[in-house]
Amino acid sequence: MSTTMQPIQTNLFAQHTVNGNYPSMYAIVDCNNFYCSCERLFKPHLDNKPVVVLSNNDGCIISRSDESKLLGVDMAGPYFLAKPLIKKHDVAVFSSNYNLYGDLSMRVMDTLRAIIGEQHVEVYSVDEAFVDLSMFPIEELDRIARDMKATVEQWTGIKVSIGVAPTKVLSKLANRLSKKNKEKSGGVIVLDTMEKIKKALAITPVGDIWGVGGQYAKKLKEQWFIDDALQLSKMSEEFGRLHLGGVVGVRLIRELNGIASKDMQDELLNKKMIATTRMFGSPVGDINDIKEAVATYTSRAAEKLRRQHSAANIISIFVVSKEENHNATFNRGITHSRYTTLPTATSFTNELIKPAVAMVDGLFKEGTLYKKAGVMLSGLVPDASIQGNLFIPETKNNGRLLMDMIDNINFSQRDDVLKFAASGTTRDWKMRQELRSPRYTTRWEELYEVR
């Protein structure tokens, strides 16, 4: 064991470097129980009361308020199994409202950019962002973090917790502790001394470290008797390389020791692959319904494609059959997929729908029920690089103008006012959202009313 140990750094917080800069310091700003907080924002009577939010088709629980956690409501557990407990304690239940959540997430991120500068904010997920605070004196970080928290909460109404430390891994660790000790920490913890870092590492189970999953945690405990983050931080970088995933493991050991390995990254604006997938509201056994769903998902993916000014060379579709096992064990079902390479890259919905719908014929089996379908566009290239065709009528080279017109009308009027006939009109297969709240911030007709 001794050959893999290394001392934790002691010179991490030298007052200044040669050029006068302070050591790197990162904050992670994390929205508390984000989906539940979004629902509470427009229903203040639910403050301090148990709330849960359900996944697509109201299947599983994907967000819980602290009060729901204390009641024993399981995260990612099936909704129907939790119903007795939910009814007993009068837990407020909501279907996923992604229009609302996405808009409020953007407001939180824009607030951070306004406070600290766009170049210092890295959006990590819908409810988390890293903020580079290296330009501030260390002794000012606690005040700055608390001011940042107060401003976000005042401007957006969304409660946040903040962890500050020399590396991203340590800042995530600090954020976790700030949530566990809200009353004492006020939702902010700054690890600005080696003493604080060591104490935080010592009380953090190894399985709660960002980047250490359940399998790695089990392996570390059983084979090397590593139970907490402090013990793991004392292992060598070679240990991380051999037993924690190569370079990823080396970075983890370094970050636990206060050596920043993860630089701030720009938000990925142009995706390399675009997908639209949905569960059906109920199992589907009619091929025409599946074709309508695939055409609808293709239209949505094409909109995303045009939004980033790209075109696709490859289109793939898949369907997932409903499992026949009806006991309490949940199976994923069998996935059936196909793909085709297009003659030329395109972002036109009509040119993408045609091959997508045609592939359904090769996947569908009569008598089988399907619970999910999806469309993926890949081989993406800039649409500006696509040349017009000299051998077709000039009007057919102006398809992008038509697509832009459709996108603009649908964006302004919402709910697919204009759509291709292949997408259907009744859409009986649509995702079930029986408990969805109004989309307060993105629909005129659903604006919050104050009386």
Protein backbone atom coordinates (compact mmCIF):
# COMPACT_ATOMS: atom_id res chain seq x y z
CA MET A 1 0.00 0.00 0.00
CA SER A 2 2.81 2.41 0.87
CA THR A 3 4.14 2.41 -2.68
CA THR A 4 0.92 3.99 -3.92
CA MET A 5 0.66 6.74 -1.29
CA GLN A 6 1.56 10.36 -1.90
CA PRO A 7 1.30 13.38 0.44
CA ILE A 8 -1.41 15.92 -0.23
CA GLN A 9 0.05 19.21 -1.48
CA THR A 10 0.97 21.81 1.13
CA ASN A 11 1.86 24.80 -1.07
CA LEU A 12 -1.47 24.99 -2.85
CA PHE A 13 -2.38 28.43 -1.53
CA ALA A 14 0.79 30.40 -2.09
CA GLN A 15 -0.29 34.04 -1.79
CA HIS A 16 0.67 35.02 -5.35
CA THR A 17 2.36 33.56 -8.38
CA VAL A 18 5.04 35.43 -10.29
CA ASN A 19 2.49 37.29 -12.44
CA GLY A 20 0.36 38.25 -9.45
CA ASN A 21 -2.58 35.94 -10.12
CA TYR A 22 -4.32 34.00 -7.39
CA PRO A 23 -4.54 30.20 -7.47
CA SER A 24 -7.30 28.75 -9.63
CA MET A 25 -10.66 28.69 -7.84
CA TYR A 26 -13.88 27.27 -9.26
CA ALA A 27 -17.45 27.57 -8.06
CA ILE A 28 -20.21 25.13 -8.95
CA VAL A 29 -23.64 26.75 -8.84
CA ASP A 30 -26.27 24.03 -8.45
CA CYS A 31 -30.03 24.63 -8.50
CA ASN A 32 -31.64 22.82 -5.56
CA ASN A 33 -34.07 20.08 -6.64
CA PHE A 34 -34.39 22.05 -9.85
CA TYR A 35 -37.58 20.64 -11.39
CA CYS A 36 -39.38 20.84 -8.04
CA SER A 37 -38.10 24.40 -7.54
CA CYS A 38 -39.48 25.40 -10.95
CA GLU A 39 -42.91 24.09 -9.98
CA ARG A 40 -42.81 25.82 -6.60
CA LEU A 41 -41.86 29.14 -8.16
CA PHE A 42 -45.41 29.67 -9.38
CA LYS A 43 -47.04 27.80 -6.48
CA PRO A 44 -45.57 29.36 -3.32
CA HIS A 45 -48.09 27.47 -1.17
CA LEU A 46 -45.93 24.38 -1.86
CA ASP A 47 -42.86 25.85 -0.12
CA ASN A 48 -41.68 23.47 2.61
CA LYS A 49 -44.14 20.82 1.40
CA PRO A 50 -43.27 17.54 -0.37
CA VAL A 51 -43.15 17.74 -4.18
CA VAL A 52 -42.14 15.22 -6.88
CA VAL A 53 -41.80 15.50 -10.66
CA LEU A 54 -42.34 12.54 -13.00
CA SER A 55 -40.49 11.40 -16.10
CA ASN A 56 -41.87 11.12 -19.63
CA ASN A 57 -45.28 9.43 -19.65
CA ASP A 58 -45.49 9.91 -15.89
CA GLY A 59 -43.52 6.70 -15.41
CA CYS A 60 -40.82 7.34 -12.81
CA ILE A 61 -39.89 9.96 -10.22
CA ILE A 62 -37.03 12.13 -11.51
CA SER A 63 -37.01 14.99 -9.00
CA ARG A 64 -37.85 15.15 -5.28
CA SER A 65 -37.99 18.00 -2.84
CA ASP A 66 -36.11 17.55 0.44
CA GLU A 67 -39.42 16.91 2.20
CA SER A 68 -40.20 14.03 -0.20
CA LYS A 69 -36.77 12.53 0.41
CA LEU A 70 -37.43 12.52 4.17
CA LEU A 71 -40.70 10.68 3.58
CA GLY A 72 -38.79 7.88 1.84
CA VAL A 73 -39.87 8.54 -1.75
CA ASP A 74 -37.29 6.77 -3.95
CA MET A 75 -35.45 8.60 -6.73
CA ALA A 76 -36.05 7.01 -10.17
CA GLY A 77 -38.59 4.67 -8.61
CA PRO A 78 -41.78 3.77 -10.53
CA TYR A 79 -44.59 6.21 -9.82
CA PHE A 80 -47.22 3.51 -9.36
CA LEU A 81 -45.17 1.86 -6.61
CA ALA A 82 -44.79 5.19 -4.77
CA LYS A 83 -48.46 6.17 -5.11
CA PRO A 84 -49.60 4.82 -1.70
CA LEU A 85 -46.85 6.77 0.10
CA ILE A 86 -47.51 9.88 -2.01
CA LYS A 87 -51.26 9.81 -1.28
CA LYS A 88 -50.72 9.15 2.41
CA HIS A 89 -48.58 12.27 2.85
CA ASP A 90 -50.37 14.47 0.29
CA VAL A 91 -47.28 14.89 -1.90
CA ALA A 92 -47.78 17.30 -4.81
CA VAL A 93 -47.11 15.49 -8.12
CA PHE A 94 -46.30 17.06 -11.51
CA SER A 95 -45.60 15.74 -15.00
CA SER A 96 -42.37 16.97 -16.60
CA ASN A 97 -42.73 20.49 -17.99
CA TYR A 98 -39.57 20.85 -20.06
CA ASN A 99 -40.63 24.14 -21.67
CA LEU A 100 -40.78 25.75 -18.23
CA TYR A 101 -37.61 24.08 -16.92
CA GLY A 102 -35.56 25.01 -20.00
CA ASP A 103 -36.61 28.65 -19.87
CA LEU A 104 -35.89 29.00 -16.15
CA SER A 105 -32.52 27.26 -16.61
CA MET A 106 -31.60 29.82 -19.28
CA ARG A 107 -32.55 32.64 -16.88
CA VAL A 108 -30.29 31.23 -14.16
CA MET A 109 -27.35 30.88 -16.58
CA ASP A 110 -27.91 34.36 -18.04
CA THR A 111 -27.94 35.78 -14.52
CA LEU A 112 -24.57 34.17 -13.78
CA ARG A 113 -23.17 35.56 -17.02
CA ALA A 114 -24.42 39.03 -16.12
CA ILE A 115 -22.83 38.83 -12.66
CA ILE A 116 -19.45 37.35 -13.47
CA GLY A 117 -18.94 37.65 -17.24
CA GLU A 118 -19.84 35.21 -20.00
CA GLN A 119 -16.27 33.98 -20.48
CA HIS A 120 -16.13 32.81 -16.85
CA VAL A 121 -19.30 30.65 -16.93
CA GLU A 122 -19.41 27.06 -18.17
CA VAL A 123 -22.89 25.53 -18.37
CA TYR A 124 -22.48 21.94 -17.20
CA SER A 125 -26.11 20.78 -17.23
CA VAL A 126 -29.64 22.16 -17.12
CA ASP A 127 -29.26 22.93 -13.40
CA GLU A 128 -25.49 23.34 -12.90
CA ALA A 129 -22.78 25.72 -14.03
CA PHE A 130 -19.09 26.10 -13.21
CA VAL A 131 -17.86 29.64 -12.58
CA ASP A 132 -14.20 30.63 -12.71
CA LEU A 133 -13.42 32.84 -9.70
CA SER A 134 -9.64 32.84 -10.08
CA MET A 135 -9.56 36.61 -10.67
CA PHE A 136 -10.75 37.36 -7.11
CA PRO A 137 -8.68 37.41 -3.90
CA ILE A 138 -9.17 34.22 -1.89
CA GLU A 139 -10.30 36.10 1.20
CA GLU A 140 -13.17 37.61 -0.85
CA LEU A 141 -14.55 34.34 -2.26
CA ASP A 142 -17.03 33.60 0.51
CA ARG A 143 -18.63 37.04 0.20
CA ILE A 144 -18.65 36.86 -3.60
CA ALA A 145 -20.25 33.40 -3.57
CA ARG A 146 -22.97 34.52 -1.15
CA ASP A 147 -23.65 37.65 -3.20
CA MET A 148 -23.88 35.50 -6.31
CA LYS A 149 -26.32 33.14 -4.59
CA ALA A 150 -28.48 36.01 -3.35
CA THR A 151 -28.59 37.64 -6.78
CA VAL A 152 -29.55 34.45 -8.63
CA GLU A 153 -32.31 33.72 -6.13
CA GLN A 154 -33.63 37.28 -6.21
CA TRP A 155 -33.60 37.60 -10.01
CA THR A 156 -34.91 34.12 -10.87
CA GLY A 157 -36.65 32.78 -7.75
CA ILE A 158 -34.65 29.53 -7.99
CA LYS A 159 -32.77 28.45 -4.86
CA VAL A 160 -29.13 27.48 -5.42
CA SER A 161 -26.21 26.00 -3.49
CA ILE A 162 -22.60 26.94 -4.20
CA GLY A 163 -19.34 25.11 -3.57
CA VAL A 164 -15.99 26.84 -4.14
CA ALA A 165 -12.60 25.12 -4.30
CA PRO A 166 -9.33 25.02 -6.29
CA THR A 167 -10.60 22.32 -8.70
CA LYS A 168 -13.91 21.25 -10.21
CA VAL A 169 -13.92 17.92 -8.35
CA LEU A 170 -13.34 19.66 -5.02
CA SER A 171 -15.97 22.31 -5.82
CA LYS A 172 -18.53 19.54 -6.46
CA LEU A 173 -17.53 18.01 -3.15
CA ALA A 174 -17.94 21.38 -1.41
CA ASN A 175 -21.34 21.85 -3.03
CA ARG A 176 -22.50 18.46 -1.77
CA LEU A 177 -21.51 19.44 1.78
CA SER A 178 -23.25 22.82 1.47
CA LYS A 179 -26.51 21.00 0.69
CA LYS A 180 -26.10 18.53 3.55
CA ASN A 181 -25.50 21.34 6.07
CA LYS A 182 -27.78 24.09 4.76
CA GLU A 183 -28.60 25.59 8.15
CA LYS A 184 -24.95 25.91 9.15
CA SER A 185 -23.46 26.77 5.75
CA GLY A 186 -26.25 28.94 4.37
CA GLY A 187 -25.94 27.03 1.10
CA VAL A 188 -22.32 28.10 0.48
CA ILE A 189 -19.05 26.37 1.36
CA VAL A 190 -15.62 27.65 0.32
CA LEU A 191 -12.64 25.31 0.63
CA ASP A 192 -9.89 27.93 0.70
CA THR A 193 -7.35 26.30 3.03
CA MET A 194 -5.67 22.90 3.14
CA GLU A 195 -7.22 22.29 6.55
CA LYS A 196 -10.74 22.76 5.16
CA ILE A 197 -10.01 20.57 2.15
CA LYS A 198 -8.66 17.70 4.24
CA LYS A 199 -11.64 17.87 6.59
CA ALA A 200 -14.07 17.86 3.65
CA LEU A 201 -12.28 14.92 2.04
CA ALA A 202 -12.33 12.94 5.28
CA ILE A 203 -16.13 13.19 5.69
CA THR A 204 -16.97 12.41 2.05
CA PRO A 205 -17.62 8.73 1.23
CA VAL A 206 -15.64 7.58 -1.78
CA GLY A 207 -18.86 6.77 -3.65
CA ASP A 208 -19.94 10.43 -3.41
CA ILE A 209 -16.93 11.77 -5.30
CA TRP A 210 -17.75 13.25 -8.71
CA GLY A 211 -16.48 10.73 -11.26
CA VAL A 212 -16.52 7.67 -8.97
CA GLY A 213 -19.48 5.45 -9.79
CA GLY A 214 -20.97 2.63 -7.78
CA GLN A 215 -18.79 -0.09 -9.30
CA TYR A 216 -15.55 1.83 -8.73
CA ALA A 217 -16.60 2.66 -5.16
CA LYS A 218 -17.28 -1.00 -4.41
CA LYS A 219 -13.95 -2.01 -5.93
CA LEU A 220 -12.03 0.65 -3.95
CA LYS A 221 -13.61 -0.44 -0.67
CA GLU A 222 -13.28 -4.19 -1.13
CA GLN A 223 -9.80 -4.39 -2.70
CA TRP A 224 -7.94 -1.42 -1.21
CA PHE A 225 -10.06 -0.52 1.86
CA ILE A 226 -10.54 3.03 0.60
CA ASP A 227 -13.69 4.38 2.24
CA ASP A 228 -13.41 8.16 1.94
CA ALA A 229 -12.10 10.86 -0.38
CA LEU A 230 -9.09 11.66 1.80
CA GLN A 231 -7.81 8.10 1.51
CA LEU A 232 -8.26 8.18 -2.26
CA SER A 233 -6.46 11.52 -2.53
CA LYS A 234 -3.35 9.93 -0.99
CA MET A 235 -3.09 7.31 -3.72
CA SER A 236 -0.58 7.83 -6.52
CA GLU A 237 -1.43 9.05 -10.00
CA GLU A 238 -0.25 5.67 -11.30
CA PHE A 239 -2.88 4.03 -9.08
CA GLY A 240 -5.50 6.21 -10.75
CA ARG A 241 -4.19 5.28 -14.18
CA LEU A 242 -4.29 1.54 -13.48
CA HIS A 243 -7.51 1.26 -11.49
CA LEU A 244 -9.70 4.30 -12.20
CA GLY A 245 -9.89 4.51 -15.97
CA GLY A 246 -6.53 5.66 -17.26
CA VAL A 247 -6.17 9.40 -17.86
CA VAL A 248 -9.54 10.02 -16.19
CA GLY A 249 -8.26 8.39 -13.00
CA VAL A 250 -5.05 10.44 -13.07
CA ARG A 251 -7.07 13.65 -13.39
CA LEU A 252 -9.31 12.60 -10.50
CA ILE A 253 -6.34 12.02 -8.16
CA ARG A 254 -4.79 15.32 -9.21
CA GLU A 255 -8.01 17.25 -8.69
CA LEU A 256 -8.53 15.74 -5.23
CA ASN A 257 -5.08 17.11 -4.42
CA GLY A 258 -6.00 20.60 -5.58
CA ILE A 259 -4.30 20.48 -8.98
CA ALA A 260 -6.75 21.74 -11.60
CA SER A 261 -6.92 19.41 -14.59
CA LYS A 262 -10.27 20.38 -16.07
CA ASP A 263 -10.13 23.75 -17.79
CA MET A 264 -13.24 25.86 -18.33
CA GLN A 265 -14.96 24.77 -21.54
CA ASP A 266 -17.18 26.67 -23.92
CA GLU A 267 -20.75 25.48 -24.16
CA LEU A 268 -21.17 23.02 -27.05
CA LEU A 269 -23.41 24.98 -29.41
CA ASN A 270 -23.09 22.75 -32.47
CA LYS A 271 -23.84 19.13 -31.76
CA LYS A 272 -22.19 16.29 -33.66
CA MET A 273 -25.37 14.23 -33.59
CA ILE A 274 -28.99 15.23 -33.15
CA ALA A 275 -31.65 12.89 -31.79
CA THR A 276 -35.34 13.07 -30.91
CA THR A 277 -36.78 10.13 -28.97
CA ARG A 278 -39.98 9.71 -27.01
CA MET A 279 -41.96 7.09 -25.15
CA PHE A 280 -45.48 6.59 -26.49
CA GLY A 281 -48.38 7.54 -24.27
CA SER A 282 -49.49 3.88 -24.46
CA PRO A 283 -48.15 0.84 -26.35
CA VAL A 284 -48.64 1.15 -30.12
CA GLY A 285 -49.37 -1.74 -32.45
CA ASP A 286 -50.42 0.05 -35.63
CA ILE A 287 -47.78 0.74 -38.27
CA ASN A 288 -49.42 4.00 -39.33
CA ASP A 289 -49.18 5.37 -35.78
CA ILE A 290 -45.50 4.48 -35.67
CA LYS A 291 -44.92 6.16 -39.04
CA GLU A 292 -46.67 9.30 -37.75
CA ALA A 293 -44.46 9.28 -34.66
CA VAL A 294 -41.27 8.81 -36.70
CA ALA A 295 -42.29 11.60 -39.08
CA THR A 296 -43.00 13.91 -36.12
CA TYR A 297 -39.67 13.13 -34.45
CA THR A 298 -37.88 13.65 -37.78
CA SER A 299 -39.49 17.08 -38.11
CA ARG A 300 -38.34 18.01 -34.62
CA ALA A 301 -34.78 16.78 -35.28
CA ALA A 302 -34.70 18.71 -38.57
CA GLU A 303 -35.66 21.91 -36.74
CA LYS A 304 -32.76 21.40 -34.33
CA LEU A 305 -30.49 20.72 -37.29
CA ARG A 306 -31.42 23.98 -39.03
CA ARG A 307 -31.10 25.91 -35.78
CA GLN A 308 -27.36 25.18 -35.72
CA HIS A 309 -27.06 25.67 -39.51
CA SER A 310 -26.10 22.06 -40.21
CA ALA A 311 -27.14 19.33 -42.62
CA ALA A 312 -27.15 15.55 -42.11
CA ASN A 313 -25.65 12.80 -44.24
CA ILE A 314 -27.09 9.87 -42.25
CA ILE A 315 -30.51 9.27 -40.73
CA SER A 316 -31.23 6.43 -38.28
CA ILE A 317 -34.48 5.32 -36.70
CA PHE A 318 -35.28 2.84 -33.95
CA VAL A 319 -38.29 1.37 -32.21
CA VAL A 320 -38.43 -0.39 -28.85
CA SER A 321 -40.89 -3.24 -28.39
CA LYS A 322 -42.90 -3.64 -25.22
CA GLU A 323 -41.57 -6.43 -23.03
CA GLU A 324 -43.88 -9.37 -22.45
CA ASN A 325 -42.82 -9.87 -18.83
CA HIS A 326 -45.58 -8.43 -16.64
CA ASN A 327 -44.05 -9.01 -13.21
CA ALA A 328 -42.47 -6.34 -11.03
CA THR A 329 -39.11 -6.60 -12.81
CA PHE A 330 -38.68 -3.85 -15.40
CA ASN A 331 -37.06 -4.84 -18.70
CA ARG A 332 -35.90 -2.42 -21.35
CA GLY A 333 -37.51 -4.23 -24.26
CA ILE A 334 -35.76 -5.05 -27.55
CA THR A 335 -34.50 -2.20 -29.71
CA HIS A 336 -34.80 -2.54 -33.49
CA SER A 337 -32.91 -0.02 -35.61
CA ARG A 338 -31.97 0.88 -39.17
CA TYR A 339 -30.08 3.67 -40.88
CA THR A 340 -29.59 5.01 -44.38
CA THR A 341 -26.99 7.28 -45.97
CA LEU A 342 -28.59 10.12 -47.88
CA PRO A 343 -27.56 10.95 -51.48
CA THR A 344 -26.59 14.46 -50.36
CA ALA A 345 -26.52 16.12 -46.95
CA THR A 346 -29.77 17.94 -46.20
CA SER A 347 -31.70 19.77 -43.49
CA PHE A 348 -35.02 19.80 -45.32
CA THR A 349 -37.76 18.10 -43.34
CA ASN A 350 -39.46 16.57 -46.39
CA GLU A 351 -36.18 15.05 -47.62
CA LEU A 352 -35.58 13.50 -44.19
CA ILE A 353 -39.12 12.27 -43.51
CA LYS A 354 -39.29 10.18 -46.70
CA PRO A 355 -36.40 7.75 -45.91
CA ALA A 356 -37.26 7.71 -42.21
CA VAL A 357 -40.84 6.58 -42.78
CA ALA A 358 -39.73 4.07 -45.40
CA MET A 359 -37.43 2.37 -42.87
CA VAL A 360 -40.38 1.72 -40.53
CA ASP A 361 -41.66 -0.92 -42.97
CA GLY A 362 -38.49 -2.94 -42.42
CA LEU A 363 -38.71 -2.74 -38.62
CA PHE A 364 -42.39 -3.23 -37.90
CA LYS A 365 -43.71 -6.69 -37.04
CA GLU A 366 -47.43 -7.32 -37.05
CA GLY A 367 -48.78 -8.28 -33.65
CA THR A 368 -45.94 -6.60 -31.72
CA LEU A 369 -46.57 -3.67 -29.39
CA TYR A 370 -44.03 -0.84 -29.31
CA LYS A 371 -43.42 1.59 -26.47
CA LYS A 372 -40.81 3.98 -27.87
CA ALA A 373 -39.37 5.32 -31.12
CA GLY A 374 -36.60 7.70 -32.06
CA VAL A 375 -34.78 9.42 -34.90
CA MET A 376 -31.06 10.30 -35.03
CA LEU A 377 -29.27 12.53 -37.53
CA SER A 378 -25.51 12.18 -37.91
CA GLY A 379 -22.69 12.89 -40.33
CA LEU A 380 -23.40 16.57 -39.78
CA VAL A 381 -21.81 19.24 -41.99
CA PRO A 382 -22.33 23.04 -42.25
CA ASP A 383 -25.33 23.67 -44.48
CA ALA A 384 -23.46 26.56 -46.13
CA SER A 385 -21.15 23.99 -47.71
CA ILE A 386 -23.98 22.34 -49.67
CA GLN A 387 -24.07 23.36 -53.30
CA GLY A 388 -27.21 23.80 -55.37
CA ASN A 389 -28.03 21.36 -58.17
CA LEU A 390 -27.78 22.71 -61.71
CA PHE A 391 -29.96 19.91 -63.07
CA ILE A 392 -33.16 20.58 -61.12
CA PRO A 393 -35.62 23.51 -61.34
CA GLU A 394 -34.43 26.66 -59.58
CA THR A 395 -37.40 26.58 -57.19
CA LYS A 396 -36.20 23.28 -55.70
CA ASN A 397 -32.90 24.90 -54.71
CA ASN A 398 -34.82 27.34 -52.51
CA GLY A 399 -36.02 24.72 -50.03
CA ARG A 400 -34.19 26.43 -47.16
CA LEU A 401 -36.41 29.51 -47.57
CA LEU A 402 -39.49 27.34 -47.18
CA MET A 403 -38.03 25.58 -44.12
CA ASP A 404 -37.15 28.92 -42.51
CA MET A 405 -40.68 30.16 -43.08
CA ILE A 406 -42.17 27.04 -41.46
CA ASP A 407 -39.78 27.29 -38.50
CA ASN A 408 -40.58 30.97 -37.95
CA ILE A 409 -44.34 30.41 -38.01
CA ASN A 410 -44.15 27.39 -35.70
CA PHE A 411 -41.86 29.24 -33.28
CA SER A 412 -44.15 32.27 -33.07
CA GLN A 413 -47.45 30.35 -32.97
CA ARG A 414 -46.24 27.21 -31.14
CA ASP A 415 -47.65 23.68 -31.18
CA ASP A 416 -46.75 22.85 -34.80
CA VAL A 417 -49.23 25.10 -36.56
CA LEU A 418 -47.58 24.03 -39.82
CA LYS A 419 -46.61 20.39 -40.21
CA PHE A 420 -46.20 17.74 -42.87
CA ALA A 421 -49.18 15.45 -43.41
CA ALA A 422 -47.02 12.40 -42.61
CA SER A 423 -46.94 13.60 -38.98
CA GLY A 424 -50.67 12.95 -38.60
CA THR A 425 -53.41 15.05 -37.03
CA THR A 426 -54.78 13.07 -34.06
CA ARG A 427 -51.48 11.72 -32.67
CA ASP A 428 -53.08 9.25 -30.26
CA TRP A 429 -49.58 7.93 -29.51
CA LYS A 430 -48.37 11.22 -27.94
CA MET A 431 -46.53 11.22 -24.64
CA ARG A 432 -48.75 11.19 -21.57
CA GLN A 433 -48.49 14.29 -19.36
CA GLU A 434 -51.63 14.15 -17.28
CA LEU A 435 -50.26 16.26 -14.41
CA ARG A 436 -48.33 18.94 -16.32
CA SER A 437 -48.48 22.47 -14.93
CA PRO A 438 -48.93 25.48 -17.25
CA ARG A 439 -45.94 26.65 -19.30
CA TYR A 440 -46.00 30.01 -17.54
CA THR A 441 -43.00 31.65 -19.20
CA THR A 442 -43.22 30.39 -22.80
CA ARG A 443 -46.94 30.53 -23.72
CA TRP A 444 -49.02 33.70 -23.82
CA GLU A 445 -52.22 31.78 -23.11
CA GLU A 446 -50.64 30.15 -20.04
CA LEU A 447 -49.19 33.26 -18.38
CA TYR A 448 -49.35 33.31 -14.61
CA GLU A 449 -52.36 35.28 -13.38
CA VAL A 450 -52.05 37.62 -10.40
CA ARG A 451 -55.32 38.63 -8.73
